[in-house]
Amino acid sequence: MIRIVCALILFLASAAQAENIVLGMNHDEVKITANFDGSEILIFGAIKRDAPQAQGALGVIVTIVGPNERVKVRRKERKFGIWMNTDEIEVDAAPSFYAVATSMAWGDIISDTEDLRHRISIPRAIRAVDTRVTDTDLFNDALKRIRESQGKYGIYENGVILDQDTLFQTRIPMPANLTAGDYKTRIFLTRDRQVVSNFETVIDVRKVGIEEFLYTLAHEQPFLYALMSLAIAVVAGWGASAFFRMLRTQ
């Protein structure tokens, strides 16, 4: 009986010290138009406490994850004096966009065990399962490097401003070549490299105007899209030919 009472007291004490995240964003949707050249999301919030602040180093991690997609990654090797594809794997789930911002250095804010549990870091978010090769990590690293160069993957250490262990904010850049869909936004609160609270919301990224029309037509009516593309190419070719004939006759 005494043990039960002690366990209940400890449970109530830990619940009273719970820290929760209150989140805000400058906008919760991104519209991709014909002249869209990228965006920047401002994420800000506060840490709500029901009791005095607990001891230990406090950290905030913010992640934005785009829709998953299957990706083929190939390895090239030089054979017979030319470069050729040798091995290939299909990454089962790779985020089309992934950004991570932290309030301190990565090694100081979260343990490897907690990272594995919540799949926060970029390598943890990429899942490559292929029995044909044994070094899938090399292919994952290659995919990560390629998408970092495209601005689709990024880790911003010390990119979260944490004020008096209560208020936080960060700005996440998003490139022009975004994939439409739901972008999951997660905020993790850590203390002594352990996750103590988390919050999740969604940013809606969608195409509008002519971009939406072409995207929908290409995916839902591919035959009509092909006919339209062919007609545009024929008209453009005929127009260019007529223009140059007119120039020659003058």
C-alpha atoms as a PDB file:
ATOM      1  CA  MET A   1       0.000   0.000   0.000  1.00  0.00           C
ATOM      2  CA  ILE A   2       2.826   2.372   0.936  1.00  0.00           C
ATOM      3  CA  ARG A   3       4.522   1.690  -2.403  1.00  0.00           C
ATOM      4  CA  ILE A   4       1.338   2.515  -4.289  1.00  0.00           C
ATOM      5  CA  VAL A   5       0.952   5.799  -2.408  1.00  0.00           C
ATOM      6  CA  CYS A   6       4.601   6.712  -3.068  1.00  0.00           C
ATOM      7  CA  ALA A   7       4.237   5.889  -6.774  1.00  0.00           C
ATOM      8  CA  LEU A   8       1.087   8.032  -6.947  1.00  0.00           C
ATOM      9  CA  ILE A   9       2.880  10.950  -5.258  1.00  0.00           C
ATOM     10  CA  LEU A  10       5.793  10.686  -7.690  1.00  0.00           C
ATOM     11  CA  PHE A  11       3.387  10.549 -10.630  1.00  0.00           C
ATOM     12  CA  LEU A  12       1.507  13.643  -9.453  1.00  0.00           C
ATOM     13  CA  ALA A  13       4.768  15.471  -8.816  1.00  0.00           C
ATOM     14  CA  SER A  14       6.039  14.722 -12.314  1.00  0.00           C
ATOM     15  CA  ALA A  15       2.707  15.731 -13.840  1.00  0.00           C
ATOM     16  CA  ALA A  16       2.802  19.019 -11.936  1.00  0.00           C
ATOM     17  CA  GLN A  17       6.238  19.767 -13.401  1.00  0.00           C
ATOM     18  CA  ALA A  18       5.094  19.080 -16.959  1.00  0.00           C
ATOM     19  CA  GLU A  19       6.215  21.599 -19.592  1.00  0.00           C
ATOM     20  CA  ASN A  20       4.008  22.113 -22.616  1.00  0.00           C
ATOM     21  CA  ILE A  21       4.624  23.891 -25.930  1.00  0.00           C
ATOM     22  CA  VAL A  22       2.390  26.704 -27.160  1.00  0.00           C
ATOM     23  CA  LEU A  23       3.072  27.301 -30.859  1.00  0.00           C
ATOM     24  CA  GLY A  24       2.522  30.086 -33.383  1.00  0.00           C
ATOM     25  CA  MET A  25       3.451  30.627 -37.065  1.00  0.00           C
ATOM     26  CA  ASN A  26       3.396  33.632 -39.382  1.00  0.00           C
ATOM     27  CA  HIS A  27       1.351  31.529 -41.830  1.00  0.00           C
ATOM     28  CA  ASP A  28       0.266  27.901 -41.937  1.00  0.00           C
ATOM     29  CA  GLU A  29       0.090  27.525 -45.703  1.00  0.00           C
ATOM     30  CA  VAL A  30       2.381  28.087 -48.669  1.00  0.00           C
ATOM     31  CA  LYS A  31       0.899  28.772 -52.105  1.00  0.00           C
ATOM     32  CA  ILE A  32       2.982  27.731 -55.114  1.00  0.00           C
ATOM     33  CA  THR A  33       2.279  30.013 -58.060  1.00  0.00           C
ATOM     34  CA  ALA A  34       3.924  30.392 -61.468  1.00  0.00           C
ATOM     35  CA  ASN A  35       6.390  32.957 -60.085  1.00  0.00           C
ATOM     36  CA  PHE A  36       6.993  31.258 -56.718  1.00  0.00           C
ATOM     37  CA  ASP A  37      10.692  31.552 -55.812  1.00  0.00           C
ATOM     38  CA  GLY A  38      10.727  30.167 -52.286  1.00  0.00           C
ATOM     39  CA  SER A  39       9.429  31.122 -48.885  1.00  0.00           C
ATOM     40  CA  GLU A  40      10.430  31.475 -45.254  1.00  0.00           C
ATOM     41  CA  ILE A  41       8.389  30.160 -42.340  1.00  0.00           C
ATOM     42  CA  LEU A  42       8.592  31.968 -38.999  1.00  0.00           C
ATOM     43  CA  ILE A  43       7.866  29.572 -36.144  1.00  0.00           C
ATOM     44  CA  PHE A  44       7.553  30.957 -32.642  1.00  0.00           C
ATOM     45  CA  GLY A  45       6.104  29.846 -29.359  1.00  0.00           C
ATOM     46  CA  ALA A  46       6.363  29.626 -25.619  1.00  0.00           C
ATOM     47  CA  ILE A  47       6.887  26.981 -22.960  1.00  0.00           C
ATOM     48  CA  LYS A  48       3.961  26.746 -20.567  1.00  0.00           C
ATOM     49  CA  ARG A  49       4.730  25.455 -17.089  1.00  0.00           C
ATOM     50  CA  ASP A  50       2.392  24.348 -14.339  1.00  0.00           C
ATOM     51  CA  ALA A  51       5.177  24.373 -11.737  1.00  0.00           C
ATOM     52  CA  PRO A  52       8.633  25.911 -11.174  1.00  0.00           C
ATOM     53  CA  GLN A  53      11.128  25.078 -13.910  1.00  0.00           C
ATOM     54  CA  ALA A  54      12.896  21.756 -13.510  1.00  0.00           C
ATOM     55  CA  GLN A  55      16.679  21.475 -13.334  1.00  0.00           C
ATOM     56  CA  GLY A  56      18.792  20.623 -16.367  1.00  0.00           C
ATOM     57  CA  ALA A  57      19.807  22.113 -19.719  1.00  0.00           C
ATOM     58  CA  LEU A  58      16.737  23.073 -21.757  1.00  0.00           C
ATOM     59  CA  GLY A  59      16.703  22.758 -25.551  1.00  0.00           C
ATOM     60  CA  VAL A  60      14.233  23.269 -28.403  1.00  0.00           C
ATOM     61  CA  ILE A  61      14.248  21.383 -31.717  1.00  0.00           C
ATOM     62  CA  VAL A  62      12.021  22.397 -34.641  1.00  0.00           C
ATOM     63  CA  THR A  63      11.557  20.159 -37.693  1.00  0.00           C
ATOM     64  CA  ILE A  64       9.564  20.581 -40.909  1.00  0.00           C
ATOM     65  CA  VAL A  65       9.038  17.403 -42.933  1.00  0.00           C
ATOM     66  CA  GLY A  66       7.682  17.257 -46.488  1.00  0.00           C
ATOM     67  CA  PRO A  67       5.710  14.350 -47.995  1.00  0.00           C
ATOM     68  CA  ASN A  68       7.608  11.066 -48.273  1.00  0.00           C
ATOM     69  CA  GLU A  69       8.497   9.696 -51.682  1.00  0.00           C
ATOM     70  CA  ARG A  70      10.316   6.706 -53.145  1.00  0.00           C
ATOM     71  CA  VAL A  71      13.714   7.567 -54.635  1.00  0.00           C
ATOM     72  CA  LYS A  72      16.217   5.504 -56.611  1.00  0.00           C
ATOM     73  CA  VAL A  73      19.854   6.171 -55.739  1.00  0.00           C
ATOM     74  CA  ARG A  74      22.592   4.869 -58.020  1.00  0.00           C
ATOM     75  CA  ARG A  75      26.322   4.406 -57.471  1.00  0.00           C
ATOM     76  CA  LYS A  76      28.695   5.198 -60.319  1.00  0.00           C
ATOM     77  CA  GLU A  77      32.108   3.600 -60.751  1.00  0.00           C
ATOM     78  CA  ARG A  78      34.783   4.067 -63.372  1.00  0.00           C
ATOM     79  CA  LYS A  79      35.097   0.946 -65.518  1.00  0.00           C
ATOM     80  CA  PHE A  80      36.894   0.542 -68.826  1.00  0.00           C
ATOM     81  CA  GLY A  81      37.667   4.261 -68.817  1.00  0.00           C
ATOM     82  CA  ILE A  82      34.044   5.429 -68.486  1.00  0.00           C
ATOM     83  CA  TRP A  83      31.705   6.120 -65.603  1.00  0.00           C
ATOM     84  CA  MET A  84      28.745   3.747 -65.346  1.00  0.00           C
ATOM     85  CA  ASN A  85      26.040   2.798 -62.871  1.00  0.00           C
ATOM     86  CA  THR A  86      27.009  -0.253 -60.819  1.00  0.00           C
ATOM     87  CA  ASP A  87      24.657  -0.511 -57.832  1.00  0.00           C
ATOM     88  CA  GLU A  88      21.183   0.864 -57.249  1.00  0.00           C
ATOM     89  CA  ILE A  89      18.798   0.910 -54.316  1.00  0.00           C
ATOM     90  CA  GLU A  90      15.300   2.260 -53.881  1.00  0.00           C
ATOM     91  CA  VAL A  91      14.911   4.386 -50.763  1.00  0.00           C
ATOM     92  CA  ASP A  92      11.632   3.259 -49.270  1.00  0.00           C
ATOM     93  CA  ALA A  93      10.704   6.622 -47.732  1.00  0.00           C
ATOM     94  CA  ALA A  94      12.634   9.847 -48.201  1.00  0.00           C
ATOM     95  CA  PRO A  95      11.111  13.198 -47.196  1.00  0.00           C
ATOM     96  CA  SER A  96      10.841  15.544 -50.166  1.00  0.00           C
ATOM     97  CA  PHE A  97      11.874  18.321 -47.757  1.00  0.00           C
ATOM     98  CA  TYR A  98      13.455  18.162 -44.304  1.00  0.00           C
ATOM     99  CA  ALA A  99      14.677  21.005 -42.122  1.00  0.00           C
ATOM    100  CA  VAL A 100      15.922  20.785 -38.532  1.00  0.00           C
ATOM    101  CA  ALA A 101      16.659  23.825 -36.353  1.00  0.00           C
ATOM    102  CA  THR A 102      18.038  23.587 -32.825  1.00  0.00           C
ATOM    103  CA  SER A 103      18.702  25.969 -29.946  1.00  0.00           C
ATOM    104  CA  MET A 104      22.165  24.494 -29.289  1.00  0.00           C
ATOM    105  CA  ALA A 105      24.700  22.151 -30.863  1.00  0.00           C
ATOM    106  CA  TRP A 106      23.204  18.836 -31.966  1.00  0.00           C
ATOM    107  CA  GLY A 107      25.324  16.696 -29.660  1.00  0.00           C
ATOM    108  CA  ASP A 108      24.302  18.801 -26.653  1.00  0.00           C
ATOM    109  CA  ILE A 109      20.559  18.882 -27.244  1.00  0.00           C
ATOM    110  CA  ILE A 110      19.516  15.243 -27.708  1.00  0.00           C
ATOM    111  CA  SER A 111      20.903  11.776 -27.126  1.00  0.00           C
ATOM    112  CA  ASP A 112      21.301   9.242 -29.894  1.00  0.00           C
ATOM    113  CA  THR A 113      18.743   6.994 -28.198  1.00  0.00           C
ATOM    114  CA  GLU A 114      16.123   9.749 -28.168  1.00  0.00           C
ATOM    115  CA  ASP A 115      16.940  10.635 -31.777  1.00  0.00           C
ATOM    116  CA  LEU A 116      16.408   7.017 -32.773  1.00  0.00           C
ATOM    117  CA  ARG A 117      13.142   6.871 -30.844  1.00  0.00           C
ATOM    118  CA  HIS A 118      11.631  10.016 -32.408  1.00  0.00           C
ATOM    119  CA  ARG A 119      13.466   9.894 -35.782  1.00  0.00           C
ATOM    120  CA  ILE A 120      14.427  13.573 -35.648  1.00  0.00           C
ATOM    121  CA  SER A 121      17.755  13.887 -37.478  1.00  0.00           C
ATOM    122  CA  ILE A 122      17.871  13.747 -41.270  1.00  0.00           C
ATOM    123  CA  PRO A 123      19.620  10.323 -41.497  1.00  0.00           C
ATOM    124  CA  ARG A 124      16.997   8.840 -39.148  1.00  0.00           C
ATOM    125  CA  ALA A 125      14.205  10.140 -41.383  1.00  0.00           C
ATOM    126  CA  ILE A 126      15.498   8.361 -44.506  1.00  0.00           C
ATOM    127  CA  ARG A 127      14.574   4.685 -44.700  1.00  0.00           C
ATOM    128  CA  ALA A 128      16.427   2.589 -47.248  1.00  0.00           C
ATOM    129  CA  VAL A 129      15.689  -1.134 -47.208  1.00  0.00           C
ATOM    130  CA  ASP A 130      17.326  -3.164 -49.958  1.00  0.00           C
ATOM    131  CA  THR A 131      18.721  -6.666 -49.622  1.00  0.00           C
ATOM    132  CA  ARG A 132      20.865  -6.363 -52.763  1.00  0.00           C
ATOM    133  CA  VAL A 133      23.460  -4.125 -51.067  1.00  0.00           C
ATOM    134  CA  THR A 134      24.893  -4.074 -47.565  1.00  0.00           C
ATOM    135  CA  ASP A 135      26.095  -0.460 -47.393  1.00  0.00           C
ATOM    136  CA  THR A 136      22.734   1.311 -47.551  1.00  0.00           C
ATOM    137  CA  ASP A 137      24.078   4.069 -45.275  1.00  0.00           C
ATOM    138  CA  LEU A 138      26.345   5.235 -48.107  1.00  0.00           C
ATOM    139  CA  PHE A 139      23.345   5.623 -50.403  1.00  0.00           C
ATOM    140  CA  ASN A 140      21.456   7.489 -47.669  1.00  0.00           C
ATOM    141  CA  ASP A 141      24.410   9.846 -47.230  1.00  0.00           C
ATOM    142  CA  ALA A 142      24.547  10.428 -50.986  1.00  0.00           C
ATOM    143  CA  LEU A 143      20.841  11.281 -51.102  1.00  0.00           C
ATOM    144  CA  LYS A 144      21.301  13.637 -48.144  1.00  0.00           C
ATOM    145  CA  ARG A 145      24.196  15.461 -49.851  1.00  0.00           C
ATOM    146  CA  ILE A 146      22.260  15.834 -53.120  1.00  0.00           C
ATOM    147  CA  ARG A 147      19.193  17.280 -51.433  1.00  0.00           C
ATOM    148  CA  GLU A 148      21.273  19.565 -49.235  1.00  0.00           C
ATOM    149  CA  SER A 149      22.799  21.043 -52.400  1.00  0.00           C
ATOM    150  CA  GLN A 150      19.248  21.571 -53.742  1.00  0.00           C
ATOM    151  CA  GLY A 151      18.159  23.368 -50.571  1.00  0.00           C
ATOM    152  CA  LYS A 152      15.675  20.615 -49.737  1.00  0.00           C
ATOM    153  CA  TYR A 153      17.504  19.281 -46.657  1.00  0.00           C
ATOM    154  CA  GLY A 154      19.145  21.404 -43.992  1.00  0.00           C
ATOM    155  CA  ILE A 155      20.145  21.381 -40.338  1.00  0.00           C
ATOM    156  CA  TYR A 156      20.456  24.749 -38.611  1.00  0.00           C
ATOM    157  CA  GLU A 157      22.303  24.331 -35.330  1.00  0.00           C
ATOM    158  CA  ASN A 158      21.741  27.281 -32.975  1.00  0.00           C
ATOM    159  CA  GLY A 159      19.013  28.400 -35.403  1.00  0.00           C
ATOM    160  CA  VAL A 160      16.376  28.529 -32.648  1.00  0.00           C
ATOM    161  CA  ILE A 161      16.496  31.596 -30.401  1.00  0.00           C
ATOM    162  CA  LEU A 162      15.526  30.618 -26.850  1.00  0.00           C
ATOM    163  CA  ASP A 163      14.795  33.594 -24.566  1.00  0.00           C
ATOM    164  CA  GLN A 164      14.898  33.066 -20.794  1.00  0.00           C
ATOM    165  CA  ASP A 165      14.034  29.385 -21.237  1.00  0.00           C
ATOM    166  CA  THR A 166      10.454  30.399 -22.069  1.00  0.00           C
ATOM    167  CA  LEU A 167      10.081  32.025 -25.509  1.00  0.00           C
ATOM    168  CA  PHE A 168      11.535  30.597 -28.731  1.00  0.00           C
ATOM    169  CA  GLN A 169      11.535  31.424 -32.428  1.00  0.00           C
ATOM    170  CA  THR A 170      13.205  30.302 -35.640  1.00  0.00           C
ATOM    171  CA  ARG A 171      13.011  30.955 -39.370  1.00  0.00           C
ATOM    172  CA  ILE A 172      13.085  28.026 -41.806  1.00  0.00           C
ATOM    173  CA  PRO A 173      13.878  28.735 -45.494  1.00  0.00           C
ATOM    174  CA  MET A 174      11.915  26.748 -48.060  1.00  0.00           C
ATOM    175  CA  PRO A 175      13.120  26.469 -51.692  1.00  0.00           C
ATOM    176  CA  ALA A 176      11.141  27.143 -54.853  1.00  0.00           C
ATOM    177  CA  ASN A 177      11.046  23.471 -55.923  1.00  0.00           C
ATOM    178  CA  LEU A 178       8.685  22.295 -53.173  1.00  0.00           C
ATOM    179  CA  THR A 179       6.477  19.237 -53.499  1.00  0.00           C
ATOM    180  CA  ALA A 180       2.808  19.961 -52.819  1.00  0.00           C
ATOM    181  CA  GLY A 181       1.312  18.291 -49.778  1.00  0.00           C
ATOM    182  CA  ASP A 182       1.145  18.382 -45.978  1.00  0.00           C
ATOM    183  CA  TYR A 183       4.373  19.445 -44.271  1.00  0.00           C
ATOM    184  CA  LYS A 184       4.481  18.036 -40.768  1.00  0.00           C
ATOM    185  CA  THR A 185       5.936  20.493 -38.262  1.00  0.00           C
ATOM    186  CA  ARG A 186       7.239  19.064 -35.002  1.00  0.00           C
ATOM    187  CA  ILE A 187       8.653  20.862 -31.963  1.00  0.00           C
ATOM    188  CA  PHE A 188      10.573  18.927 -29.327  1.00  0.00           C
ATOM    189  CA  LEU A 189      11.421  20.231 -25.876  1.00  0.00           C
ATOM    190  CA  THR A 190      14.455  18.509 -24.361  1.00  0.00           C
ATOM    191  CA  ARG A 191      16.072  18.611 -20.966  1.00  0.00           C
ATOM    192  CA  ASP A 192      19.455  17.045 -20.354  1.00  0.00           C
ATOM    193  CA  ARG A 193      19.254  15.571 -23.893  1.00  0.00           C
ATOM    194  CA  GLN A 194      15.947  13.792 -23.167  1.00  0.00           C
ATOM    195  CA  VAL A 195      12.648  14.672 -24.862  1.00  0.00           C
ATOM    196  CA  VAL A 196      10.213  15.918 -22.209  1.00  0.00           C
ATOM    197  CA  SER A 197       7.477  17.356 -24.452  1.00  0.00           C
ATOM    198  CA  ASN A 198       6.559  17.633 -28.120  1.00  0.00           C
ATOM    199  CA  PHE A 199       3.993  19.340 -30.312  1.00  0.00           C
ATOM    200  CA  GLU A 200       2.884  18.664 -33.886  1.00  0.00           C
ATOM    201  CA  THR A 201       1.022  20.665 -36.531  1.00  0.00           C
ATOM    202  CA  VAL A 202       0.799  20.812 -40.342  1.00  0.00           C
ATOM    203  CA  ILE A 203       1.732  23.414 -42.963  1.00  0.00           C
ATOM    204  CA  ASP A 204      -0.334  23.132 -46.143  1.00  0.00           C
ATOM    205  CA  VAL A 205       1.789  23.534 -49.295  1.00  0.00           C
ATOM    206  CA  ARG A 206      -0.311  23.606 -52.447  1.00  0.00           C
ATOM    207  CA  LYS A 207      -0.242  24.771 -56.017  1.00  0.00           C
ATOM    208  CA  VAL A 208      -2.635  27.517 -57.123  1.00  0.00           C
ATOM    209  CA  GLY A 209      -3.596  29.122 -60.430  1.00  0.00           C
ATOM    210  CA  ILE A 210      -2.087  27.710 -63.631  1.00  0.00           C
ATOM    211  CA  GLU A 211       0.347  25.614 -61.584  1.00  0.00           C
ATOM    212  CA  GLU A 212      -2.550  23.816 -59.879  1.00  0.00           C
ATOM    213  CA  PHE A 213      -4.338  23.281 -63.210  1.00  0.00           C
ATOM    214  CA  LEU A 214      -1.283  21.764 -64.911  1.00  0.00           C
ATOM    215  CA  TYR A 215      -0.380  19.626 -61.884  1.00  0.00           C
ATOM    216  CA  THR A 216      -3.922  18.238 -61.604  1.00  0.00           C
ATOM    217  CA  LEU A 217      -4.168  17.630 -65.350  1.00  0.00           C
ATOM    218  CA  ALA A 218      -0.814  15.831 -65.489  1.00  0.00           C
ATOM    219  CA  HIS A 219      -1.706  13.484 -62.616  1.00  0.00           C
ATOM    220  CA  GLU A 220      -5.415  12.917 -63.233  1.00  0.00           C
ATOM    221  CA  GLN A 221      -5.637  13.209 -67.040  1.00  0.00           C
ATOM    222  CA  PRO A 222      -2.167  12.311 -68.367  1.00  0.00           C
ATOM    223  CA  PHE A 223      -3.460  11.614 -71.905  1.00  0.00           C
ATOM    224  CA  LEU A 224      -5.077  15.051 -72.211  1.00  0.00           C
ATOM    225  CA  TYR A 225      -1.958  16.615 -70.704  1.00  0.00           C
ATOM    226  CA  ALA A 226       0.188  14.904 -73.352  1.00  0.00           C
ATOM    227  CA  LEU A 227      -2.125  16.073 -76.162  1.00  0.00           C
ATOM    228  CA  MET A 228      -2.070  19.639 -74.820  1.00  0.00           C
ATOM    229  CA  SER A 229       1.728  19.601 -74.555  1.00  0.00           C
ATOM    230  CA  LEU A 230       1.982  18.294 -78.121  1.00  0.00           C
ATOM    231  CA  ALA A 231      -0.423  20.971 -79.396  1.00  0.00           C
ATOM    232  CA  ILE A 232       1.543  23.724 -77.636  1.00  0.00           C
ATOM    233  CA  ALA A 233       4.790  22.421 -79.124  1.00  0.00           C
ATOM    234  CA  VAL A 234       3.284  22.322 -82.640  1.00  0.00           C
ATOM    235  CA  VAL A 235       1.860  25.846 -82.343  1.00  0.00           C
ATOM    236  CA  ALA A 236       5.121  27.182 -80.921  1.00  0.00           C
ATOM    237  CA  GLY A 237       7.118  25.537 -83.719  1.00  0.00           C
ATOM    238  CA  TRP A 238       4.767  26.840 -86.408  1.00  0.00           C
ATOM    239  CA  GLY A 239       4.844  30.340 -84.884  1.00  0.00           C
ATOM    240  CA  ALA A 240       8.630  30.412 -84.776  1.00  0.00           C
ATOM    241  CA  SER A 241       8.848  29.155 -88.376  1.00  0.00           C
ATOM    242  CA  ALA A 242       6.367  31.791 -89.581  1.00  0.00           C
ATOM    243  CA  PHE A 243       8.250  34.518 -87.735  1.00  0.00           C
ATOM    244  CA  PHE A 244      11.599  33.640 -89.336  1.00  0.00           C
ATOM    245  CA  ARG A 245       9.972  33.398 -92.811  1.00  0.00           C
ATOM    246  CA  MET A 246       8.590  36.889 -92.315  1.00  0.00           C
ATOM    247  CA  LEU A 247      12.046  38.153 -91.370  1.00  0.00           C
ATOM    248  CA  ARG A 248      13.593  36.671 -94.508  1.00  0.00           C
ATOM    249  CA  THR A 249      11.008  38.300 -96.814  1.00  0.00           C
ATOM    250  CA  GLN A 250      11.717  41.785 -95.491  1.00  0.00           C
END
